C-alpha atoms as a PDB file:
ATOM      1  CA  MET A   1       9.832   7.852 -61.501  1.00  0.00           C
ATOM      2  CA  SER A   2      11.062   6.464 -64.760  1.00  0.00           C
ATOM      3  CA  GLY A   3      12.369   2.934 -64.655  1.00  0.00           C
ATOM      4  CA  SER A   4      10.442   2.188 -61.474  1.00  0.00           C
ATOM      5  CA  ARG A   5       7.737  -0.384 -61.204  1.00  0.00           C
ATOM      6  CA  ARG A   6       5.177  -1.255 -58.611  1.00  0.00           C
ATOM      7  CA  HIS A   7       5.722  -4.316 -56.426  1.00  0.00           C
ATOM      8  CA  SER A   8       3.473  -6.337 -54.155  1.00  0.00           C
ATOM      9  CA  VAL A   9       3.902  -6.337 -50.391  1.00  0.00           C
ATOM     10  CA  ALA A  10       5.444  -9.817 -50.520  1.00  0.00           C
ATOM     11  CA  GLU A  11       7.958  -8.789 -53.224  1.00  0.00           C
ATOM     12  CA  VAL A  12       9.021  -5.682 -51.306  1.00  0.00           C
ATOM     13  CA  ALA A  13       9.376  -7.743 -48.125  1.00  0.00           C
ATOM     14  CA  ARG A  14      11.736 -10.117 -49.945  1.00  0.00           C
ATOM     15  CA  ILE A  15      13.664  -7.258 -51.592  1.00  0.00           C
ATOM     16  CA  LEU A  16      14.158  -5.322 -48.354  1.00  0.00           C
ATOM     17  CA  GLY A  17      14.621  -8.434 -46.242  1.00  0.00           C
ATOM     18  CA  ILE A  18      11.836  -7.566 -43.798  1.00  0.00           C
ATOM     19  CA  SER A  19       8.464  -9.072 -42.960  1.00  0.00           C
ATOM     20  CA  GLU A  20       5.271  -8.222 -44.793  1.00  0.00           C
ATOM     21  CA  ARG A  21       3.994  -6.611 -41.566  1.00  0.00           C
ATOM     22  CA  GLY A  22       7.121  -4.433 -41.611  1.00  0.00           C
ATOM     23  CA  VAL A  23       6.318  -3.344 -45.165  1.00  0.00           C
ATOM     24  CA  ARG A  24       2.742  -2.481 -44.171  1.00  0.00           C
ATOM     25  CA  ASP A  25       4.023  -0.538 -41.155  1.00  0.00           C
ATOM     26  CA  ARG A  26       6.326   1.488 -43.407  1.00  0.00           C
ATOM     27  CA  ILE A  27       3.395   2.182 -45.747  1.00  0.00           C
ATOM     28  CA  GLU A  28       1.348   3.451 -42.773  1.00  0.00           C
ATOM     29  CA  ARG A  29       4.250   5.673 -41.627  1.00  0.00           C
ATOM     30  CA  GLY A  30       4.647   7.006 -45.165  1.00  0.00           C
ATOM     31  CA  THR A  31       8.239   5.832 -45.641  1.00  0.00           C
ATOM     32  CA  LEU A  32       7.257   3.700 -48.639  1.00  0.00           C
ATOM     33  CA  ASP A  33       5.383   5.107 -51.650  1.00  0.00           C
ATOM     34  CA  ALA A  34       2.344   2.854 -52.068  1.00  0.00           C
ATOM     35  CA  VAL A  35      -1.132   2.957 -53.562  1.00  0.00           C
ATOM     36  CA  LYS A  36      -4.180   0.733 -53.581  1.00  0.00           C
ATOM     37  CA  GLN A  37      -5.338   0.413 -57.170  1.00  0.00           C
ATOM     38  CA  GLU A  38      -9.005   0.047 -57.981  1.00  0.00           C
ATOM     39  CA  GLY A  39     -10.079  -3.488 -58.743  1.00  0.00           C
ATOM     40  CA  GLN A  40      -6.976  -5.007 -57.116  1.00  0.00           C
ATOM     41  CA  ARG A  41      -6.385  -6.342 -53.642  1.00  0.00           C
ATOM     42  CA  GLY A  42      -3.449  -5.175 -51.584  1.00  0.00           C
ATOM     43  CA  TRP A  43      -0.901  -2.441 -51.910  1.00  0.00           C
ATOM     44  CA  ARG A  44       1.342  -1.721 -54.872  1.00  0.00           C
ATOM     45  CA  ILE A  45       4.642  -0.229 -53.736  1.00  0.00           C
ATOM     46  CA  LEU A  46       6.881   1.910 -55.913  1.00  0.00           C
ATOM     47  CA  LEU A  47      10.552   1.283 -55.239  1.00  0.00           C
ATOM     48  CA  PRO A  48      13.259   3.510 -56.706  1.00  0.00           C
ATOM     49  CA  PRO A  49      15.377   1.879 -59.419  1.00  0.00           C
ATOM     50  CA  GLU A  50      18.488   1.902 -57.242  1.00  0.00           C
ATOM     51  CA  ALA A  51      16.722  -0.251 -54.635  1.00  0.00           C
ATOM     52  CA  VAL A  52      15.974  -3.050 -57.116  1.00  0.00           C
ATOM     53  CA  VAL A  53      18.434  -4.338 -59.693  1.00  0.00           C
ATOM     54  CA  ASP A  54      17.082  -6.983 -62.094  1.00  0.00           C
ATOM     55  CA  THR A  55      19.202 -10.086 -62.331  1.00  0.00           C
ATOM     56  CA  VAL A  56      20.784 -10.851 -65.646  1.00  0.00           C
ATOM     57  CA  ALA A  57      21.802 -14.464 -65.189  1.00  0.00           C
ATOM     58  CA  PRO A  58      22.446 -16.288 -61.982  1.00  0.00           C
ATOM     59  CA  THR A  59      25.785 -18.065 -61.710  1.00  0.00           C
ATOM     60  CA  ALA A  60      25.758 -21.807 -61.475  1.00  0.00           C
ATOM     61  CA  SER A  61      27.749 -22.003 -58.264  1.00  0.00           C
ATOM     62  CA  SER A  62      25.884 -19.599 -56.023  1.00  0.00           C
ATOM     63  CA  GLY A  63      22.492 -19.260 -57.671  1.00  0.00           C
ATOM     64  CA  SER A  64      22.939 -15.477 -57.845  1.00  0.00           C
ATOM     65  CA  PRO A  65      25.153 -13.173 -59.890  1.00  0.00           C
ATOM     66  CA  SER A  66      28.599 -12.664 -58.416  1.00  0.00           C
ATOM     67  CA  GLY A  67      27.562 -14.246 -55.134  1.00  0.00           C
ATOM     68  CA  SER A  68      25.411 -11.269 -54.058  1.00  0.00           C
ATOM     69  CA  GLY A  69      22.014 -11.716 -52.443  1.00  0.00           C
ATOM     70  CA  ALA A  70      19.519 -12.318 -55.236  1.00  0.00           C
ATOM     71  CA  VAL A  71      15.975 -12.114 -53.923  1.00  0.00           C
ATOM     72  CA  GLY A  72      12.910 -12.682 -56.030  1.00  0.00           C
ATOM     73  CA  GLY A  73      14.558 -11.777 -59.335  1.00  0.00           C
ATOM     74  CA  ALA A  74      16.422  -8.788 -57.867  1.00  0.00           C
ATOM     75  CA  VAL A  75      19.913  -8.283 -56.518  1.00  0.00           C
ATOM     76  CA  VAL A  76      20.347  -6.534 -53.213  1.00  0.00           C
ATOM     77  CA  THR A  77      23.850  -5.192 -52.814  1.00  0.00           C
ATOM     78  CA  PRO A  78      25.483  -3.951 -49.630  1.00  0.00           C
ATOM     79  CA  ALA A  79      25.554  -0.454 -51.141  1.00  0.00           C
ATOM     80  CA  LEU A  80      21.765  -0.575 -51.656  1.00  0.00           C
ATOM     81  CA  VAL A  81      21.254  -1.781 -48.111  1.00  0.00           C
ATOM     82  CA  GLU A  82      23.516   1.010 -46.813  1.00  0.00           C
ATOM     83  CA  THR A  83      21.591   3.586 -48.871  1.00  0.00           C
ATOM     84  CA  ALA A  84      18.296   2.310 -47.496  1.00  0.00           C
ATOM     85  CA  ILE A  85      19.660   2.425 -43.947  1.00  0.00           C
ATOM     86  CA  GLN A  86      20.902   5.995 -44.420  1.00  0.00           C
ATOM     87  CA  ARG A  87      17.566   7.113 -45.867  1.00  0.00           C
ATOM     88  CA  THR A  88      15.674   5.463 -43.036  1.00  0.00           C
ATOM     89  CA  GLY A  89      18.053   6.972 -40.475  1.00  0.00           C
ATOM     90  CA  GLN A  90      17.602  10.419 -41.983  1.00  0.00           C
ATOM     91  CA  GLN A  91      13.820  10.013 -41.883  1.00  0.00           C
ATOM     92  CA  TYR A  92      13.933   8.916 -38.237  1.00  0.00           C
ATOM     93  CA  THR A  93      16.222  11.828 -37.375  1.00  0.00           C
ATOM     94  CA  THR A  94      13.884  14.279 -39.103  1.00  0.00           C
ATOM     95  CA  ASP A  95      10.854  12.774 -37.358  1.00  0.00           C
ATOM     96  CA  LEU A  96      12.571  12.923 -33.965  1.00  0.00           C
ATOM     97  CA  ARG A  97      13.599  16.550 -34.502  1.00  0.00           C
ATOM     98  CA  THR A  98      10.015  17.416 -35.425  1.00  0.00           C
ATOM     99  CA  MET A  99       8.674  15.642 -32.339  1.00  0.00           C
ATOM    100  CA  LEU A 100      11.268  17.355 -30.145  1.00  0.00           C
ATOM    101  CA  THR A 101      10.281  20.763 -31.521  1.00  0.00           C
ATOM    102  CA  GLU A 102       6.597  20.044 -30.913  1.00  0.00           C
ATOM    103  CA  LEU A 103       7.280  18.804 -27.376  1.00  0.00           C
ATOM    104  CA  ARG A 104       9.411  21.878 -26.656  1.00  0.00           C
ATOM    105  CA  GLU A 105       6.543  24.141 -27.792  1.00  0.00           C
ATOM    106  CA  VAL A 106       4.048  22.258 -25.608  1.00  0.00           C
ATOM    107  CA  TYR A 107       6.428  22.378 -22.628  1.00  0.00           C
ATOM    108  CA  GLU A 108       7.065  26.109 -23.041  1.00  0.00           C
ATOM    109  CA  GLY A 109       3.316  26.719 -23.277  1.00  0.00           C
ATOM    110  CA  GLN A 110       2.757  24.802 -20.052  1.00  0.00           C
ATOM    111  CA  ILE A 111       5.534  26.761 -18.326  1.00  0.00           C
ATOM    112  CA  GLU A 112       3.976  30.072 -19.445  1.00  0.00           C
ATOM    113  CA  ALA A 113       0.547  28.966 -18.196  1.00  0.00           C
ATOM    114  CA  LYS A 114       2.041  27.924 -14.846  1.00  0.00           C
ATOM    115  CA  ASP A 115       3.853  31.255 -14.524  1.00  0.00           C
ATOM    116  CA  ALA A 116       0.639  33.157 -15.271  1.00  0.00           C
ATOM    117  CA  ALA A 117      -1.258  31.121 -12.666  1.00  0.00           C
ATOM    118  CA  LEU A 118       1.453  31.751 -10.053  1.00  0.00           C
ATOM    119  CA  THR A 119       1.420  35.482 -10.797  1.00  0.00           C
ATOM    120  CA  ALA A 120      -2.369  35.561 -10.369  1.00  0.00           C
ATOM    121  CA  LYS A 121      -2.075  33.677  -7.054  1.00  0.00           C
ATOM    122  CA  ASP A 122       0.626  36.095  -5.847  1.00  0.00           C
ATOM    123  CA  GLU A 123      -1.647  39.050  -6.662  1.00  0.00           C
ATOM    124  CA  THR A 124      -4.557  37.409  -4.819  1.00  0.00           C
ATOM    125  CA  ILE A 125      -2.395  36.750  -1.758  1.00  0.00           C
ATOM    126  CA  ALA A 126      -1.141  40.350  -1.754  1.00  0.00           C
ATOM    127  CA  GLU A 127      -4.723  41.668  -1.933  1.00  0.00           C
ATOM    128  CA  LEU A 128      -5.835  39.376   0.920  1.00  0.00           C
ATOM    129  CA  ARG A 129      -2.893  40.532   3.060  1.00  0.00           C
ATOM    130  CA  ARG A 130      -3.795  44.161   2.373  1.00  0.00           C
ATOM    131  CA  ARG A 131      -7.416  43.516   3.364  1.00  0.00           C
ATOM    132  CA  ALA A 132      -6.325  41.719   6.544  1.00  0.00           C
ATOM    133  CA  GLU A 133      -4.111  44.669   7.523  1.00  0.00           C
ATOM    134  CA  VAL A 134      -7.008  47.107   6.938  1.00  0.00           C
ATOM    135  CA  ALA A 135      -9.365  44.909   8.993  1.00  0.00           C
ATOM    136  CA  GLU A 136      -6.836  44.618  11.834  1.00  0.00           C
ATOM    137  CA  ALA A 137      -6.300  48.378  11.856  1.00  0.00           C
ATOM    138  CA  GLU A 138     -10.071  48.957  11.998  1.00  0.00           C
ATOM    139  CA  ARG A 139     -10.393  46.396  14.821  1.00  0.00           C
ATOM    140  CA  ASP A 140      -7.613  48.130  16.767  1.00  0.00           C
ATOM    141  CA  ARG A 141      -9.219  51.551  16.208  1.00  0.00           C
ATOM    142  CA  LEU A 142     -12.624  50.312  17.379  1.00  0.00           C
ATOM    143  CA  ALA A 143     -11.065  48.624  20.418  1.00  0.00           C
ATOM    144  CA  ALA A 144      -9.347  51.914  21.348  1.00  0.00           C
ATOM    145  CA  VAL A 145     -12.615  53.855  20.940  1.00  0.00           C
ATOM    146  CA  GLN A 146     -14.458  51.283  23.065  1.00  0.00           C
ATOM    147  CA  ALA A 147     -11.769  51.426  25.743  1.00  0.00           C
ATOM    148  CA  THR A 148     -11.943  55.213  25.789  1.00  0.00           C
ATOM    149  CA  GLN A 149     -15.736  55.150  26.079  1.00  0.00           C
ATOM    150  CA  ASP A 150     -15.619  52.562  28.843  1.00  0.00           C
ATOM    151  CA  ALA A 151     -13.025  54.566  30.776  1.00  0.00           C
ATOM    152  CA  ALA A 152     -15.009  57.784  30.414  1.00  0.00           C
ATOM    153  CA  GLY A 153     -18.281  56.074  31.334  1.00  0.00           C
ATOM    154  CA  THR A 154     -17.009  54.551  34.586  1.00  0.00           C
ATOM    155  CA  GLN A 155     -15.159  57.645  35.881  1.00  0.00           C
ATOM    156  CA  GLY A 156     -17.908  59.463  37.689  1.00  0.00           C
ATOM    157  CA  ALA A 157     -20.773  59.465  35.237  1.00  0.00           C
ATOM    158  CA  SER A 158     -23.997  58.763  37.005  1.00  0.00           C
ATOM    159  CA  ALA A 159     -26.288  55.945  36.011  1.00  0.00           C
ATOM    160  CA  GLU A 160     -28.865  58.453  34.845  1.00  0.00           C
ATOM    161  CA  ALA A 161     -26.386  60.220  32.570  1.00  0.00           C
ATOM    162  CA  ARG A 162     -25.182  56.940  31.199  1.00  0.00           C
ATOM    163  CA  GLU A 163     -28.768  55.811  30.624  1.00  0.00           C
ATOM    164  CA  GLY A 164     -29.280  58.674  28.165  1.00  0.00           C
ATOM    165  CA  THR A 165     -26.315  57.587  26.042  1.00  0.00           C
ATOM    166  CA  LEU A 166     -27.206  53.895  25.954  1.00  0.00           C
ATOM    167  CA  SER A 167     -28.862  52.411  22.928  1.00  0.00           C
ATOM    168  CA  VAL A 168     -32.327  50.947  23.104  1.00  0.00           C
ATOM    169  CA  TRP A 169     -30.959  47.455  23.590  1.00  0.00           C
ATOM    170  CA  GLY A 170     -28.576  48.712  26.244  1.00  0.00           C
ATOM    171  CA  ARG A 171     -31.492  50.211  28.188  1.00  0.00           C
ATOM    172  CA  VAL A 172     -33.490  46.984  27.768  1.00  0.00           C
ATOM    173  CA  ARG A 173     -30.534  44.996  29.067  1.00  0.00           C
ATOM    174  CA  ARG A 174     -30.221  47.263  32.146  1.00  0.00           C
ATOM    175  CA  TRP A 175     -33.962  47.002  32.794  1.00  0.00           C
ATOM    176  CA  TRP A 176     -33.836  43.218  32.555  1.00  0.00           C
ATOM    177  CA  ARG A 177     -30.923  42.881  34.945  1.00  0.00           C
ATOM    178  CA  GLY A 178     -32.867  44.963  37.371  1.00  0.00           C
END
């Protein structure tokens, strides 16, 4: 920027009316244009010309021109303060909108993942219910077959006839019982 010059952290703190830590915080956030020059200690901050107005001659009564706030060889006017506040407010608003958009994307991603997990669980439950119904039907069928065989076996079949239809273990069981 033409007409701009680089200031130290202490100068910028005086000009903006904030602490040196506040200036360093703004440098870290990127709201102040600053560089570290080789061979020098500390930051050099570039302020726009409208933020710093050089004093011409302080008045004798107030020590600053026209009674405004002269700080470190610069005049800070209410209009400059208002401009700085608006710029800072706009930056905060932009940052908050960006964060809100990012959070919304993360939230929507989590909702989609949850919905997919619930759908998978619903499918698993449906498959388990189907398998349980098939197993119950098979159990009922086998119970009916067993009941039919038991009824047919006890209705007049002789022990010798039944002995021929028993399995090996059934015959062993009958032998053991005597």
